[in-house]
N, C-alpha and C. Protein backbone atom coordinates (compact mmCIF):
# COMPACT_ATOMS: atom_id res chain seq x y z
N MET A 1 -30.50 -6.31 -9.63
CA MET A 1 -29.57 -7.46 -9.94
C MET A 1 -27.98 -7.27 -9.73
N GLN A 2 -28.28 -6.24 -8.93
CA GLN A 2 -26.22 -5.45 -8.08
C GLN A 2 -26.65 -6.14 -6.81
N SER A 3 -28.16 -6.73 -6.81
CA SER A 3 -28.30 -6.82 -4.80
C SER A 3 -27.95 -8.22 -5.13
N VAL A 4 -27.96 -9.46 -6.01
CA VAL A 4 -28.15 -10.37 -6.38
C VAL A 4 -26.54 -10.40 -6.14
N LEU A 5 -25.80 -10.24 -7.47
CA LEU A 5 -24.27 -9.91 -7.77
C LEU A 5 -23.72 -9.77 -6.08
N PHE A 6 -23.78 -8.84 -5.54
CA PHE A 6 -23.03 -8.59 -4.13
C PHE A 6 -23.15 -9.38 -2.94
N LEU A 7 -24.51 -10.08 -2.71
CA LEU A 7 -25.10 -11.11 -1.97
C LEU A 7 -23.89 -12.56 -2.26
N GLY A 8 -23.71 -12.43 -3.42
CA GLY A 8 -23.05 -14.26 -4.26
C GLY A 8 -21.66 -13.70 -4.06
N ALA A 9 -21.51 -12.54 -3.76
CA ALA A 9 -19.77 -12.55 -4.09
C ALA A 9 -19.55 -12.25 -2.40
N PHE A 10 -20.82 -11.97 -1.54
CA PHE A 10 -20.44 -12.23 0.17
C PHE A 10 -20.02 -13.06 0.37
N LEU A 11 -20.71 -13.57 -0.54
CA LEU A 11 -21.33 -15.53 0.04
C LEU A 11 -19.76 -16.16 0.21
N THR A 12 -19.63 -15.92 -1.10
CA THR A 12 -18.69 -17.00 -1.70
C THR A 12 -17.43 -16.00 -0.67
N VAL A 13 -16.95 -15.16 -0.42
CA VAL A 13 -15.65 -14.36 0.33
C VAL A 13 -16.21 -14.70 2.21
N ALA A 14 -17.40 -14.83 2.01
CA ALA A 14 -17.97 -15.28 3.83
C ALA A 14 -17.06 -16.87 4.19
N LEU A 15 -17.23 -18.01 3.21
CA LEU A 15 -16.93 -18.89 3.49
C LEU A 15 -15.08 -19.50 3.85
N HIS A 16 -15.20 -20.28 4.46
CA HIS A 16 -13.78 -20.89 4.68
C HIS A 16 -12.75 -20.95 4.00
N LEU A 17 -11.57 -20.44 4.29
CA LEU A 17 -10.31 -19.95 3.14
C LEU A 17 -9.83 -21.33 2.33
N GLY A 18 -9.67 -22.37 3.21
CA GLY A 18 -9.19 -23.51 2.68
C GLY A 18 -10.37 -24.53 1.95
N THR A 19 -11.36 -24.46 1.60
CA THR A 19 -12.83 -24.65 0.49
C THR A 19 -13.25 -24.25 -0.12
N ALA A 20 -13.52 -22.91 0.30
CA ALA A 20 -14.25 -21.94 -1.15
C ALA A 20 -13.45 -20.99 -1.40
N LEU A 21 -13.20 -20.49 -1.12
CA LEU A 21 -12.50 -19.12 -1.36
C LEU A 21 -10.85 -19.21 -2.18
N ALA A 22 -11.04 -18.46 -2.97
CA ALA A 22 -9.90 -18.85 -3.84
C ALA A 22 -8.75 -18.00 -3.82
N GLN A 23 -7.17 -18.03 -3.50
CA GLN A 23 -6.66 -17.35 -3.12
C GLN A 23 -5.35 -16.52 -4.06
N ASP A 24 -5.24 -15.79 -4.25
CA ASP A 24 -4.08 -15.35 -5.18
C ASP A 24 -2.45 -14.72 -4.54
N ALA A 25 -2.14 -15.16 -4.85
CA ALA A 25 -0.89 -14.81 -3.89
C ALA A 25 -0.22 -13.65 -4.40
N ASP A 26 -0.40 -13.79 -6.14
CA ASP A 26 0.13 -12.23 -6.27
C ASP A 26 -0.37 -11.02 -5.96
N ARG A 27 -2.06 -11.03 -6.18
CA ARG A 27 -2.64 -9.62 -5.39
C ARG A 27 -1.97 -9.94 -3.49
N GLY A 28 -1.89 -10.68 -3.16
CA GLY A 28 -1.36 -11.03 -1.97
C GLY A 28 -0.18 -9.84 -1.60
N GLU A 29 0.84 -10.49 -3.16
CA GLU A 29 2.17 -9.88 -2.65
C GLU A 29 2.00 -8.29 -3.07
N ALA A 30 0.98 -7.94 -3.77
CA ALA A 30 1.18 -6.29 -3.87
C ALA A 30 0.56 -5.56 -2.69
N LEU A 31 -0.69 -6.24 -2.06
CA LEU A 31 -0.99 -5.96 -1.15
C LEU A 31 -0.05 -5.28 0.31
N TYR A 32 1.06 -6.85 0.23
CA TYR A 32 2.05 -7.17 1.21
C TYR A 32 2.86 -5.98 1.04
N VAL A 33 3.91 -5.41 -0.22
CA VAL A 33 3.96 -4.50 -0.34
C VAL A 33 3.40 -3.23 0.02
N GLU A 34 2.52 -2.64 -0.49
CA GLU A 34 1.57 -1.85 -0.01
C GLU A 34 1.42 -1.55 1.42
N ARG A 35 0.82 -2.60 2.42
CA ARG A 35 0.11 -2.71 3.84
C ARG A 35 1.50 -2.81 4.53
N CYS A 36 2.22 -4.27 4.52
CA CYS A 36 3.17 -4.64 5.81
C CYS A 36 4.56 -4.57 5.28
N ALA A 37 5.23 -4.44 3.84
CA ALA A 37 6.47 -4.20 3.95
C ALA A 37 7.28 -2.76 4.82
N THR A 38 6.75 -2.32 5.45
CA THR A 38 7.06 -0.95 6.19
C THR A 38 7.70 -1.75 7.06
N CYS A 39 6.92 -2.57 8.20
CA CYS A 39 7.40 -2.90 9.20
C CYS A 39 8.40 -4.14 8.81
N HIS A 40 7.40 -5.28 8.48
CA HIS A 40 8.21 -6.41 8.20
C HIS A 40 9.28 -6.48 7.27
N GLY A 41 9.25 -5.56 6.08
CA GLY A 41 10.39 -6.07 5.34
C GLY A 41 9.51 -6.37 3.78
N LEU A 42 10.43 -6.26 2.74
CA LEU A 42 10.22 -6.80 1.44
C LEU A 42 10.21 -8.17 1.45
N ASP A 43 11.32 -8.95 2.57
CA ASP A 43 10.99 -10.44 2.15
C ASP A 43 10.59 -10.85 3.24
N GLY A 44 9.89 -9.97 4.19
CA GLY A 44 9.11 -10.56 5.37
C GLY A 44 10.09 -11.32 6.42
N ARG A 45 11.16 -10.74 6.98
CA ARG A 45 11.89 -11.19 8.24
C ARG A 45 11.68 -10.11 9.11
N GLY A 46 10.75 -9.13 8.80
CA GLY A 46 11.01 -8.46 10.39
C GLY A 46 11.68 -7.35 10.40
N ASP A 47 12.16 -7.06 8.91
CA ASP A 47 13.61 -5.81 8.88
C ASP A 47 13.41 -4.55 8.13
N GLY A 48 11.85 -4.53 8.06
CA GLY A 48 11.03 -3.17 7.23
C GLY A 48 11.52 -1.88 7.50
N PRO A 49 11.23 -0.65 6.80
CA PRO A 49 12.48 0.41 7.44
C PRO A 49 11.61 0.81 8.93
N MET A 50 10.46 0.72 9.34
CA MET A 50 10.09 0.98 10.60
C MET A 50 10.10 0.51 11.53
N ALA A 51 10.91 -1.08 11.17
CA ALA A 51 11.44 -1.79 12.32
C ALA A 51 12.00 -1.22 13.39
N GLY A 52 12.60 -0.56 13.23
CA GLY A 52 13.97 0.05 14.30
C GLY A 52 13.08 0.82 15.32
N VAL A 53 12.18 1.52 14.81
CA VAL A 53 11.52 2.34 15.63
C VAL A 53 10.23 1.86 16.89
N LEU A 54 9.71 0.36 16.69
CA LEU A 54 9.26 0.09 17.04
C LEU A 54 9.28 -0.39 18.16
N MET A 55 8.47 -0.40 19.55
CA MET A 55 9.02 -1.34 20.98
C MET A 55 9.32 -2.59 20.39
N ILE A 56 8.13 -3.08 19.98
CA ILE A 56 8.46 -4.91 19.69
C ILE A 56 8.97 -4.99 18.09
N LYS A 57 9.91 -5.73 17.99
CA LYS A 57 10.32 -6.13 16.81
C LYS A 57 8.98 -6.76 15.98
N PRO A 58 9.06 -6.36 14.63
CA PRO A 58 7.96 -7.69 13.78
C PRO A 58 8.49 -8.44 13.55
N VAL A 59 7.42 -9.17 13.60
CA VAL A 59 7.76 -10.95 13.63
C VAL A 59 8.44 -11.59 11.92
N ASN A 60 8.94 -12.18 11.82
CA ASN A 60 9.87 -12.57 10.60
C ASN A 60 8.51 -13.72 10.77
N LEU A 61 7.96 -13.34 9.18
CA LEU A 61 6.61 -13.91 8.65
C LEU A 61 7.25 -14.88 7.63
N THR A 62 8.28 -15.37 7.85
CA THR A 62 9.01 -16.46 7.19
C THR A 62 8.93 -17.81 7.90
N GLU A 63 8.85 -17.54 9.37
CA GLU A 63 8.94 -18.96 10.25
C GLU A 63 7.59 -18.73 10.91
N LEU A 64 6.63 -18.15 9.84
CA LEU A 64 5.39 -18.64 10.78
C LEU A 64 4.96 -20.31 11.10
N SER A 65 5.67 -21.01 10.24
CA SER A 65 5.16 -22.08 10.58
C SER A 65 6.28 -23.06 10.80
N ALA A 66 7.06 -22.99 10.63
CA ALA A 66 8.27 -23.28 11.85
C ALA A 66 8.15 -22.63 13.19
N ALA A 67 7.20 -22.02 13.37
CA ALA A 67 6.95 -21.79 15.25
C ALA A 67 5.56 -22.34 15.40
N ASN A 68 5.81 -23.04 14.68
CA ASN A 68 3.79 -23.47 14.76
C ASN A 68 3.81 -24.98 14.32
N GLY A 69 4.96 -25.88 14.72
CA GLY A 69 4.88 -27.06 14.60
C GLY A 69 4.68 -27.22 13.53
N GLY A 70 5.40 -26.31 12.33
CA GLY A 70 5.37 -27.08 10.78
C GLY A 70 4.29 -26.63 10.11
N SER A 71 3.37 -26.11 10.57
CA SER A 71 1.70 -25.87 10.11
C SER A 71 1.23 -24.47 10.22
N PHE A 72 0.95 -24.21 9.33
CA PHE A 72 0.95 -22.34 9.16
C PHE A 72 -0.48 -22.02 9.78
N PRO A 73 -0.61 -21.30 11.02
CA PRO A 73 -1.22 -21.06 11.58
C PRO A 73 -2.41 -20.32 10.77
N LEU A 74 -3.15 -20.67 10.23
CA LEU A 74 -4.14 -19.53 9.32
C LEU A 74 -4.96 -18.68 10.14
N GLU A 75 -5.65 -19.57 11.04
CA GLU A 75 -6.47 -18.72 11.95
C GLU A 75 -6.21 -18.00 12.80
N ARG A 76 -5.14 -17.41 13.19
CA ARG A 76 -3.89 -16.62 14.12
C ARG A 76 -3.74 -15.62 13.44
N VAL A 77 -3.16 -16.06 11.71
CA VAL A 77 -2.83 -15.08 10.87
C VAL A 77 -3.87 -14.11 10.50
N VAL A 78 -4.92 -15.03 10.16
CA VAL A 78 -6.15 -14.08 10.08
C VAL A 78 -6.88 -12.93 10.55
N LYS A 79 -7.10 -13.33 12.00
CA LYS A 79 -7.22 -12.38 13.09
C LYS A 79 -6.09 -11.48 12.92
N ARG A 80 -5.03 -11.63 13.04
CA ARG A 80 -4.15 -10.84 13.22
C ARG A 80 -4.36 -9.59 12.62
N ILE A 81 -4.21 -9.98 11.11
CA ILE A 81 -4.54 -8.86 10.14
C ILE A 81 -5.80 -8.16 10.49
N ASP A 82 -7.16 -9.03 10.64
CA ASP A 82 -8.18 -8.15 10.65
C ASP A 82 -8.44 -7.53 11.64
N GLY A 83 -7.73 -7.87 12.71
CA GLY A 83 -8.05 -6.82 14.16
C GLY A 83 -8.52 -7.97 15.25
N ARG A 84 -9.13 -8.89 14.72
CA ARG A 84 -9.46 -10.03 15.70
C ARG A 84 -8.94 -10.36 17.04
N ASP A 85 -7.78 -10.52 16.86
CA ASP A 85 -6.73 -10.95 17.60
C ASP A 85 -5.58 -9.92 17.59
N PRO A 86 -5.67 -8.51 18.50
CA PRO A 86 -4.87 -7.59 18.54
C PRO A 86 -3.31 -7.84 18.57
N LEU A 87 -2.29 -7.40 18.54
CA LEU A 87 -0.96 -7.61 18.94
C LEU A 87 -0.66 -6.23 18.91
N VAL A 88 0.07 -5.69 20.54
CA VAL A 88 0.34 -4.22 20.72
C VAL A 88 2.01 -4.28 20.14
N SER A 89 2.08 -3.61 19.08
CA SER A 89 4.11 -3.32 18.56
C SER A 89 4.28 -2.20 19.47
N HIS A 90 4.18 -0.65 19.06
CA HIS A 90 4.34 -0.03 19.19
C HIS A 90 3.65 1.29 20.10
N GLY A 91 3.20 0.39 21.34
CA GLY A 91 2.05 1.35 21.87
C GLY A 91 0.51 1.25 21.46
N SER A 92 0.27 1.09 20.30
CA SER A 92 -1.06 0.94 19.83
C SER A 92 -0.88 -0.99 19.04
N PRO A 93 -2.14 -0.81 18.32
CA PRO A 93 -2.06 -2.17 18.04
C PRO A 93 -1.54 -2.28 16.37
N MET A 94 -1.22 -3.63 16.01
CA MET A 94 -0.37 -3.62 14.56
C MET A 94 -1.50 -2.96 14.00
N PRO A 95 -1.05 -2.54 12.85
CA PRO A 95 -2.46 -1.69 11.83
C PRO A 95 -3.29 -2.89 11.69
N VAL A 96 -5.12 -2.60 12.10
CA VAL A 96 -5.83 -3.24 11.43
C VAL A 96 -5.94 -3.39 10.27
N TYR A 97 -6.36 -3.96 9.29
CA TYR A 97 -7.28 -4.38 8.13
C TYR A 97 -8.45 -4.47 7.51
N GLY A 98 -9.13 -4.79 8.96
CA GLY A 98 -10.79 -5.44 8.71
C GLY A 98 -11.53 -4.36 8.42
N ASP A 99 -11.12 -3.05 8.91
CA ASP A 99 -11.76 -2.50 8.68
C ASP A 99 -11.41 -1.82 7.06
N TYR A 100 -10.44 -1.76 6.54
CA TYR A 100 -10.09 -1.39 5.34
C TYR A 100 -10.18 -2.24 4.39
N PHE A 101 -9.98 -3.57 4.49
CA PHE A 101 -10.90 -4.66 3.44
C PHE A 101 -12.23 -5.08 3.72
N GLY A 102 -12.61 -4.74 4.19
CA GLY A 102 -14.21 -4.69 4.56
C GLY A 102 -14.74 -5.72 5.71
N PHE A 103 -13.97 -6.10 6.51
CA PHE A 103 -13.83 -7.15 7.35
C PHE A 103 -15.65 -6.71 8.12
N ASP A 104 -16.49 -7.66 8.12
CA ASP A 104 -17.53 -7.64 8.94
C ASP A 104 -17.77 -8.80 9.72
N ALA A 105 -17.81 -8.48 11.36
CA ALA A 105 -17.77 -9.57 12.38
C ALA A 105 -18.91 -10.03 12.37
N ASN A 106 -20.39 -9.79 11.96
CA ASN A 106 -21.20 -10.19 12.03
C ASN A 106 -21.32 -11.44 10.73
N ALA A 107 -20.38 -11.50 9.62
CA ALA A 107 -20.39 -12.78 8.78
C ALA A 107 -19.72 -13.87 9.52
N VAL A 108 -19.58 -13.86 10.76
CA VAL A 108 -19.03 -15.05 11.19
C VAL A 108 -19.71 -16.53 11.08
N LEU A 109 -18.81 -17.53 10.06
CA LEU A 109 -19.99 -18.40 10.19
C LEU A 109 -18.99 -19.64 11.61
N SER A 110 -20.06 -20.32 12.21
CA SER A 110 -19.61 -21.21 12.88
C SER A 110 -18.74 -22.11 12.83
N GLY A 111 -17.57 -22.24 13.35
CA GLY A 111 -16.33 -23.17 13.15
C GLY A 111 -15.65 -22.75 11.62
N GLU A 112 -15.67 -21.71 11.31
CA GLU A 112 -15.38 -21.52 10.10
C GLU A 112 -14.20 -20.35 10.79
N VAL A 113 -13.00 -20.12 9.70
CA VAL A 113 -12.27 -18.48 9.49
C VAL A 113 -12.95 -17.83 8.46
N PRO A 114 -14.02 -16.63 8.76
CA PRO A 114 -14.19 -15.89 7.95
C PRO A 114 -13.18 -14.95 7.41
N THR A 115 -13.42 -14.53 6.37
CA THR A 115 -12.40 -13.27 5.96
C THR A 115 -12.75 -12.58 4.55
N VAL A 116 -12.08 -11.59 3.94
CA VAL A 116 -12.82 -11.14 2.78
C VAL A 116 -11.27 -11.37 1.98
N GLN A 117 -11.83 -11.01 0.24
CA GLN A 117 -10.63 -11.92 -0.50
C GLN A 117 -9.04 -11.25 -0.24
N PRO A 118 -9.31 -9.93 0.43
CA PRO A 118 -7.89 -9.00 0.17
C PRO A 118 -7.16 -9.89 1.33
N VAL A 119 -7.37 -10.39 2.65
CA VAL A 119 -7.44 -11.11 3.11
C VAL A 119 -6.25 -12.17 3.04
N ALA A 120 -7.77 -12.96 2.60
CA ALA A 120 -7.23 -14.78 1.98
C ALA A 120 -5.92 -14.24 0.50
N ASP A 121 -6.27 -13.44 -0.27
CA ASP A 121 -4.83 -13.23 -1.11
C ASP A 121 -3.67 -13.01 -0.29
N LEU A 122 -3.62 -12.03 1.07
CA LEU A 122 -2.55 -11.82 1.53
C LEU A 122 -2.05 -12.64 2.24
N VAL A 123 -2.93 -13.94 2.85
CA VAL A 123 -2.56 -14.94 3.25
C VAL A 123 -1.79 -16.01 2.40
N ALA A 124 -2.21 -15.97 0.97
CA ALA A 124 -1.43 -16.99 0.56
C ALA A 124 -0.45 -16.64 0.20
N TYR A 125 0.01 -14.88 -0.07
CA TYR A 125 1.70 -14.98 0.11
C TYR A 125 2.29 -14.86 0.73
N LEU A 126 1.65 -14.84 2.02
CA LEU A 126 2.73 -15.00 3.69
C LEU A 126 2.68 -16.73 3.49
N GLN A 127 1.60 -17.54 3.04
CA GLN A 127 2.28 -19.24 2.78
C GLN A 127 3.05 -19.40 1.85
N ALA A 128 3.33 -18.62 0.92
CA ALA A 128 3.93 -18.74 0.10
C ALA A 128 5.60 -18.20 0.63
N LEU A 129 5.64 -17.48 1.62
CA LEU A 129 7.15 -16.85 2.22
C LEU A 129 7.63 -17.90 2.99
N GLN A 130 6.61 -19.14 3.59
CA GLN A 130 7.31 -19.66 4.53
C GLN A 130 8.57 -20.76 4.10
N ARG A 131 9.59 -20.27 5.33
CA ARG A 131 11.18 -20.75 4.90
C ARG A 131 10.67 -22.62 4.88
N ALA A 132 11.74 -23.52 3.67
CA ALA A 132 11.25 -24.87 4.08
C ALA A 132 12.49 -24.95 5.66
N GLU A 133 11.52 -26.28 5.52
CA GLU A 133 12.59 -26.61 6.92
C GLU A 133 13.61 -27.67 6.83
């Protein structure tokens, strides 16, 4: 029974963010505060307490859509979080949470942006942070 439940949960999580994976911005906010705010700041503007010691200033996460022609760069954000699109900030990659959140590169679906629930929730929060044009 556990394997059936696990398989069902895995298949739900592995599907495309925009169609099948429910996102919870409140859970995403909690993850953001725990994992991201140290560098990006509580309000997402790139001014966290560690920002001053980084060689490259953390990006202002409230301007992701504005910097992408008004469209939230979903695939790029997911891949930055899970490490498939690494970013070097302070001599090493941005903290990668693919392993922490359980990302499995073998679960990639053709033409989709696979992810896991915590990343989907974090992305929902980041979408909510976007400043109005």
